[in-house]
Amino acid sequence: MSQSRDASKTPCGALKTTREKDHGACDRAWLDLAIKTANAAPEKGGSPHPRVKVGAILVDAKGKEIARAVNRFATGVDRRRPERYENNARSLWINCAEQMALAQALRHKADVKGAKMYVTLEPCAVCAGLLVESGIREVVVPLSSRRSYAKLKAKWKKSIEIGTSKLTEAGVKITAVDMDDTRG
């Protein structure tokens, strides 16, 4: 997926409302883009996970996209091998969207300190630690994200709880956005 983009071409570039309204509308627009990215066909850059499709977009303080990624196999690793989806092996083969977005930003030498991460599911414990260490200032998630992944295994639910605690204790703001709120 693409990295740095012209701010006028971002989901928020064309908004002409008050500053307070822009914030909510921009958050919803970025999250909507993350959701669409995750749900695209794997051949078009979407997540290959059969049920839990996670998208992440890293945005700098000026509202410019730094990186965009989904939970997927690492570059060069064959996602078509069926045994990689069997017996809970999938979680060992598929990297989290947050990890992939940070890796993409690193490859392009982007400065992520103070950036926002828009992600379709709260970060797990490992990703939360990476976000804290990277200097991410805010994580924005859909309000309903956990409910929409009700089938998550207990270990992932616990990992998300720990991730939330890590982010909160380290001073990273977590913003839950109501995606049904169109008051903008």
C-alpha atoms as a PDB file:
ATOM      1  CA  MET A   1       0.000   0.000   0.000  1.00  0.00           C
ATOM      2  CA  SER A   2       1.102   3.559  -0.453  1.00  0.00           C
ATOM      3  CA  GLN A   3       3.009   5.561   2.091  1.00  0.00           C
ATOM      4  CA  SER A   4       3.264   9.300   2.215  1.00  0.00           C
ATOM      5  CA  ARG A   5       0.350  11.062   0.548  1.00  0.00           C
ATOM      6  CA  ASP A   6      -0.619  14.627  -0.222  1.00  0.00           C
ATOM      7  CA  ALA A   7      -2.716  15.883   2.728  1.00  0.00           C
ATOM      8  CA  SER A   8      -5.324  17.248   0.296  1.00  0.00           C
ATOM      9  CA  LYS A   9      -5.884  13.670  -0.901  1.00  0.00           C
ATOM     10  CA  THR A  10      -6.298  12.215   2.591  1.00  0.00           C
ATOM     11  CA  PRO A  11      -9.736  11.285   3.878  1.00  0.00           C
ATOM     12  CA  CYS A  12      -9.777  14.580   5.789  1.00  0.00           C
ATOM     13  CA  GLY A  13      -8.279  16.860   3.128  1.00  0.00           C
ATOM     14  CA  ALA A  14     -11.577  18.072   1.707  1.00  0.00           C
ATOM     15  CA  LEU A  15     -13.425  18.618   5.000  1.00  0.00           C
ATOM     16  CA  LYS A  16     -14.548  22.212   5.534  1.00  0.00           C
ATOM     17  CA  THR A  17     -16.154  22.101   8.981  1.00  0.00           C
ATOM     18  CA  THR A  18     -15.182  23.450  12.396  1.00  0.00           C
ATOM     19  CA  ARG A  19     -12.021  22.160  14.014  1.00  0.00           C
ATOM     20  CA  GLU A  20     -13.923  20.094  16.612  1.00  0.00           C
ATOM     21  CA  LYS A  21     -16.126  18.513  13.954  1.00  0.00           C
ATOM     22  CA  ASP A  22     -13.125  17.875  11.693  1.00  0.00           C
ATOM     23  CA  HIS A  23     -11.529  15.774  14.412  1.00  0.00           C
ATOM     24  CA  GLY A  24     -14.438  13.316  14.669  1.00  0.00           C
ATOM     25  CA  ALA A  25     -15.069  13.258  10.932  1.00  0.00           C
ATOM     26  CA  CYS A  26     -11.367  12.734  10.208  1.00  0.00           C
ATOM     27  CA  ASP A  27     -11.107   9.900  12.711  1.00  0.00           C
ATOM     28  CA  ARG A  28     -14.115   8.178  11.136  1.00  0.00           C
ATOM     29  CA  ALA A  29     -12.729   8.727   7.638  1.00  0.00           C
ATOM     30  CA  TRP A  30      -9.314   7.237   8.515  1.00  0.00           C
ATOM     31  CA  LEU A  31     -10.936   4.285  10.285  1.00  0.00           C
ATOM     32  CA  ASP A  32     -13.263   3.707   7.351  1.00  0.00           C
ATOM     33  CA  LEU A  33     -10.221   3.596   5.071  1.00  0.00           C
ATOM     34  CA  ALA A  34      -8.509   1.120   7.433  1.00  0.00           C
ATOM     35  CA  ILE A  35     -11.616  -1.088   7.405  1.00  0.00           C
ATOM     36  CA  LYS A  36     -11.850  -0.984   3.602  1.00  0.00           C
ATOM     37  CA  THR A  37      -8.146  -1.768   3.315  1.00  0.00           C
ATOM     38  CA  ALA A  38      -8.432  -4.785   5.628  1.00  0.00           C
ATOM     39  CA  ASN A  39     -11.535  -6.110   3.857  1.00  0.00           C
ATOM     40  CA  ALA A  40     -10.117  -5.855   0.327  1.00  0.00           C
ATOM     41  CA  ALA A  41      -9.335  -9.124  -1.412  1.00  0.00           C
ATOM     42  CA  PRO A  42      -5.912 -10.465  -0.378  1.00  0.00           C
ATOM     43  CA  GLU A  43      -4.771 -10.166  -4.015  1.00  0.00           C
ATOM     44  CA  LYS A  44      -5.511  -6.428  -3.761  1.00  0.00           C
ATOM     45  CA  GLY A  45      -3.689  -5.912  -0.471  1.00  0.00           C
ATOM     46  CA  GLY A  46      -6.413  -6.977   1.966  1.00  0.00           C
ATOM     47  CA  SER A  47      -6.015  -9.310   4.912  1.00  0.00           C
ATOM     48  CA  PRO A  48      -5.830 -13.042   4.138  1.00  0.00           C
ATOM     49  CA  HIS A  49      -7.178 -13.955   7.573  1.00  0.00           C
ATOM     50  CA  PRO A  50     -10.493 -15.765   7.070  1.00  0.00           C
ATOM     51  CA  ARG A  51     -12.320 -14.074   9.991  1.00  0.00           C
ATOM     52  CA  VAL A  52     -10.308 -11.364  11.734  1.00  0.00           C
ATOM     53  CA  LYS A  53      -9.309  -8.767   9.153  1.00  0.00           C
ATOM     54  CA  VAL A  54      -7.375  -5.928  10.743  1.00  0.00           C
ATOM     55  CA  GLY A  55      -6.268  -2.736   9.023  1.00  0.00           C
ATOM     56  CA  ALA A  56      -3.924  -0.052  10.373  1.00  0.00           C
ATOM     57  CA  ILE A  57      -3.028   3.392   9.095  1.00  0.00           C
ATOM     58  CA  LEU A  58      -0.256   5.504  10.587  1.00  0.00           C
ATOM     59  CA  VAL A  59      -0.826   9.269  10.273  1.00  0.00           C
ATOM     60  CA  ASP A  60       1.586  12.043  11.241  1.00  0.00           C
ATOM     61  CA  ALA A  61       0.689  15.121  13.300  1.00  0.00           C
ATOM     62  CA  LYS A  62      -0.125  17.087  10.132  1.00  0.00           C
ATOM     63  CA  GLY A  63      -2.684  14.490   9.046  1.00  0.00           C
ATOM     64  CA  LYS A  64      -0.500  12.947   6.362  1.00  0.00           C
ATOM     65  CA  GLU A  65      -0.469   9.183   5.865  1.00  0.00           C
ATOM     66  CA  ILE A  66       2.843   7.556   6.780  1.00  0.00           C
ATOM     67  CA  ALA A  67       1.951   3.893   6.273  1.00  0.00           C
ATOM     68  CA  ARG A  68      -0.990   1.572   5.670  1.00  0.00           C
ATOM     69  CA  ALA A  69      -1.085  -2.172   6.320  1.00  0.00           C
ATOM     70  CA  VAL A  70      -3.224  -5.194   7.184  1.00  0.00           C
ATOM     71  CA  ASN A  71      -2.664  -8.318   9.242  1.00  0.00           C
ATOM     72  CA  ARG A  72      -0.929 -10.572   6.752  1.00  0.00           C
ATOM     73  CA  PHE A  73       1.937 -12.887   6.014  1.00  0.00           C
ATOM     74  CA  ALA A  74       5.363 -11.248   5.826  1.00  0.00           C
ATOM     75  CA  THR A  75       6.593 -10.364   2.353  1.00  0.00           C
ATOM     76  CA  GLY A  76       7.888 -13.476   0.611  1.00  0.00           C
ATOM     77  CA  VAL A  77       6.049 -15.947   2.866  1.00  0.00           C
ATOM     78  CA  ASP A  78       3.553 -18.109   0.942  1.00  0.00           C
ATOM     79  CA  ARG A  79       0.028 -17.467   2.245  1.00  0.00           C
ATOM     80  CA  ARG A  80      -1.473 -20.145  -0.019  1.00  0.00           C
ATOM     81  CA  ARG A  81      -0.117 -23.116   1.923  1.00  0.00           C
ATOM     82  CA  PRO A  82      -3.171 -24.646   3.681  1.00  0.00           C
ATOM     83  CA  GLU A  83      -1.227 -26.025   6.653  1.00  0.00           C
ATOM     84  CA  ARG A  84      -0.532 -22.454   7.724  1.00  0.00           C
ATOM     85  CA  TYR A  85      -4.228 -22.040   8.502  1.00  0.00           C
ATOM     86  CA  GLU A  86      -4.687 -25.327  10.385  1.00  0.00           C
ATOM     87  CA  ASN A  87      -4.471 -26.185  14.100  1.00  0.00           C
ATOM     88  CA  ASN A  88      -4.131 -22.583  15.269  1.00  0.00           C
ATOM     89  CA  ALA A  89      -0.958 -22.141  13.202  1.00  0.00           C
ATOM     90  CA  ARG A  90      -2.407 -19.049  11.517  1.00  0.00           C
ATOM     91  CA  SER A  91      -1.493 -16.750  14.430  1.00  0.00           C
ATOM     92  CA  LEU A  92       2.117 -17.857  14.137  1.00  0.00           C
ATOM     93  CA  TRP A  93       2.275 -17.016  10.433  1.00  0.00           C
ATOM     94  CA  ILE A  94       0.233 -13.825  10.145  1.00  0.00           C
ATOM     95  CA  ASN A  95       1.757 -10.597  11.434  1.00  0.00           C
ATOM     96  CA  CYS A  96      -0.410  -7.935  13.062  1.00  0.00           C
ATOM     97  CA  ALA A  97      -1.420  -4.890  11.006  1.00  0.00           C
ATOM     98  CA  GLU A  98       0.257  -2.528  13.489  1.00  0.00           C
ATOM     99  CA  GLN A  99       3.570  -4.382  13.106  1.00  0.00           C
ATOM    100  CA  MET A 100       3.307  -4.270   9.339  1.00  0.00           C
ATOM    101  CA  ALA A 101       2.536  -0.519   9.338  1.00  0.00           C
ATOM    102  CA  LEU A 102       5.500   0.211  11.613  1.00  0.00           C
ATOM    103  CA  ALA A 103       7.781  -1.951   9.446  1.00  0.00           C
ATOM    104  CA  GLN A 104       6.600  -0.101   6.352  1.00  0.00           C
ATOM    105  CA  ALA A 105       7.281   3.255   8.038  1.00  0.00           C
ATOM    106  CA  LEU A 106      10.772   2.081   9.043  1.00  0.00           C
ATOM    107  CA  ARG A 107      11.554   0.940   5.498  1.00  0.00           C
ATOM    108  CA  HIS A 108      10.703   4.425   4.286  1.00  0.00           C
ATOM    109  CA  LYS A 109      12.567   6.115   7.147  1.00  0.00           C
ATOM    110  CA  ALA A 110       9.416   7.932   8.281  1.00  0.00           C
ATOM    111  CA  ASP A 111       9.373   9.722  11.602  1.00  0.00           C
ATOM    112  CA  VAL A 112       6.587   8.095  13.613  1.00  0.00           C
ATOM    113  CA  LYS A 113       7.149   9.906  16.894  1.00  0.00           C
ATOM    114  CA  GLY A 114       3.933  11.686  17.819  1.00  0.00           C
ATOM    115  CA  ALA A 115       1.916   9.941  15.092  1.00  0.00           C
ATOM    116  CA  LYS A 116      -1.584   8.471  15.361  1.00  0.00           C
ATOM    117  CA  MET A 117      -2.339   4.833  14.604  1.00  0.00           C
ATOM    118  CA  TYR A 118      -5.810   4.129  13.239  1.00  0.00           C
ATOM    119  CA  VAL A 119      -6.539   0.439  13.685  1.00  0.00           C
ATOM    120  CA  THR A 120      -9.687  -1.636  13.293  1.00  0.00           C
ATOM    121  CA  LEU A 121      -9.070  -3.682  16.454  1.00  0.00           C
ATOM    122  CA  GLU A 122      -7.365  -2.685  19.701  1.00  0.00           C
ATOM    123  CA  PRO A 123      -3.667  -3.619  19.652  1.00  0.00           C
ATOM    124  CA  CYS A 124      -2.522  -6.857  21.246  1.00  0.00           C
ATOM    125  CA  ALA A 125       0.072  -6.826  24.039  1.00  0.00           C
ATOM    126  CA  VAL A 126       3.038  -7.129  21.649  1.00  0.00           C
ATOM    127  CA  CYS A 127       1.819  -4.422  19.275  1.00  0.00           C
ATOM    128  CA  ALA A 128       0.953  -2.095  22.158  1.00  0.00           C
ATOM    129  CA  GLY A 129       4.535  -2.385  23.392  1.00  0.00           C
ATOM    130  CA  LEU A 130       5.862  -1.605  19.902  1.00  0.00           C
ATOM    131  CA  LEU A 131       3.581   1.415  19.589  1.00  0.00           C
ATOM    132  CA  VAL A 132       4.696   2.758  22.966  1.00  0.00           C
ATOM    133  CA  GLU A 133       8.390   2.274  22.139  1.00  0.00           C
ATOM    134  CA  SER A 134       7.889   3.897  18.716  1.00  0.00           C
ATOM    135  CA  GLY A 135       6.519   7.097  20.245  1.00  0.00           C
ATOM    136  CA  ILE A 136       2.984   6.804  18.882  1.00  0.00           C
ATOM    137  CA  ARG A 137       0.857   9.372  20.752  1.00  0.00           C
ATOM    138  CA  GLU A 138      -2.644   8.107  20.038  1.00  0.00           C
ATOM    139  CA  VAL A 139      -4.396   4.930  18.944  1.00  0.00           C
ATOM    140  CA  VAL A 140      -7.828   5.351  17.373  1.00  0.00           C
ATOM    141  CA  VAL A 141     -10.185   2.355  17.121  1.00  0.00           C
ATOM    142  CA  PRO A 142     -13.846   1.852  16.247  1.00  0.00           C
ATOM    143  CA  LEU A 143     -16.019   1.850  19.363  1.00  0.00           C
ATOM    144  CA  SER A 144     -17.533  -1.477  18.347  1.00  0.00           C
ATOM    145  CA  SER A 145     -14.290  -3.236  17.393  1.00  0.00           C
ATOM    146  CA  ARG A 146     -14.273  -5.839  20.156  1.00  0.00           C
ATOM    147  CA  ARG A 147     -17.943  -6.618  19.686  1.00  0.00           C
ATOM    148  CA  SER A 148     -17.387  -7.132  15.985  1.00  0.00           C
ATOM    149  CA  TYR A 149     -14.712  -9.723  16.790  1.00  0.00           C
ATOM    150  CA  ALA A 150     -16.749 -11.628  19.361  1.00  0.00           C
ATOM    151  CA  LYS A 151     -15.244 -14.881  18.100  1.00  0.00           C
ATOM    152  CA  LEU A 152     -11.727 -13.926  19.176  1.00  0.00           C
ATOM    153  CA  LYS A 153     -10.076 -16.642  21.210  1.00  0.00           C
ATOM    154  CA  ALA A 154      -9.655 -16.018  24.924  1.00  0.00           C
ATOM    155  CA  LYS A 155      -5.873 -15.626  24.551  1.00  0.00           C
ATOM    156  CA  TRP A 156      -6.357 -12.753  22.069  1.00  0.00           C
ATOM    157  CA  LYS A 157      -8.993 -11.074  24.226  1.00  0.00           C
ATOM    158  CA  LYS A 158      -6.559 -11.221  27.167  1.00  0.00           C
ATOM    159  CA  SER A 159      -3.744  -9.917  24.949  1.00  0.00           C
ATOM    160  CA  ILE A 160      -5.912  -6.955  23.918  1.00  0.00           C
ATOM    161  CA  GLU A 161      -6.721  -6.219  27.577  1.00  0.00           C
ATOM    162  CA  ILE A 162      -2.999  -6.223  28.398  1.00  0.00           C
ATOM    163  CA  GLY A 163      -2.293  -4.116  25.309  1.00  0.00           C
ATOM    164  CA  THR A 164      -4.847  -1.544  26.432  1.00  0.00           C
ATOM    165  CA  SER A 165      -3.233  -1.434  29.875  1.00  0.00           C
ATOM    166  CA  LYS A 166       0.238  -0.970  28.350  1.00  0.00           C
ATOM    167  CA  LEU A 167      -0.925   1.903  26.172  1.00  0.00           C
ATOM    168  CA  THR A 168      -2.808   3.601  29.013  1.00  0.00           C
ATOM    169  CA  GLU A 169       0.034   3.266  31.541  1.00  0.00           C
ATOM    170  CA  ALA A 170       2.535   4.630  29.022  1.00  0.00           C
ATOM    171  CA  GLY A 171       0.372   7.683  28.345  1.00  0.00           C
ATOM    172  CA  VAL A 172      -0.745   6.751  24.837  1.00  0.00           C
ATOM    173  CA  LYS A 173      -4.237   8.122  24.286  1.00  0.00           C
ATOM    174  CA  ILE A 174      -6.811   5.551  23.159  1.00  0.00           C
ATOM    175  CA  THR A 175      -9.765   7.023  21.303  1.00  0.00           C
ATOM    176  CA  ALA A 176     -12.811   4.885  20.537  1.00  0.00           C
ATOM    177  CA  VAL A 177     -14.852   6.328  17.688  1.00  0.00           C
ATOM    178  CA  ASP A 178     -18.511   5.622  17.040  1.00  0.00           C
ATOM    179  CA  MET A 179     -18.491   4.714  13.363  1.00  0.00           C
ATOM    180  CA  ASP A 180     -22.272   5.086  13.206  1.00  0.00           C
ATOM    181  CA  ASP A 181     -22.047   8.722  14.339  1.00  0.00           C
ATOM    182  CA  THR A 182     -22.385  10.730  11.141  1.00  0.00           C
ATOM    183  CA  ARG A 183     -22.878  14.113  12.793  1.00  0.00           C
ATOM    184  CA  GLY A 184     -19.228  14.824  11.810  1.00  0.00           C
END
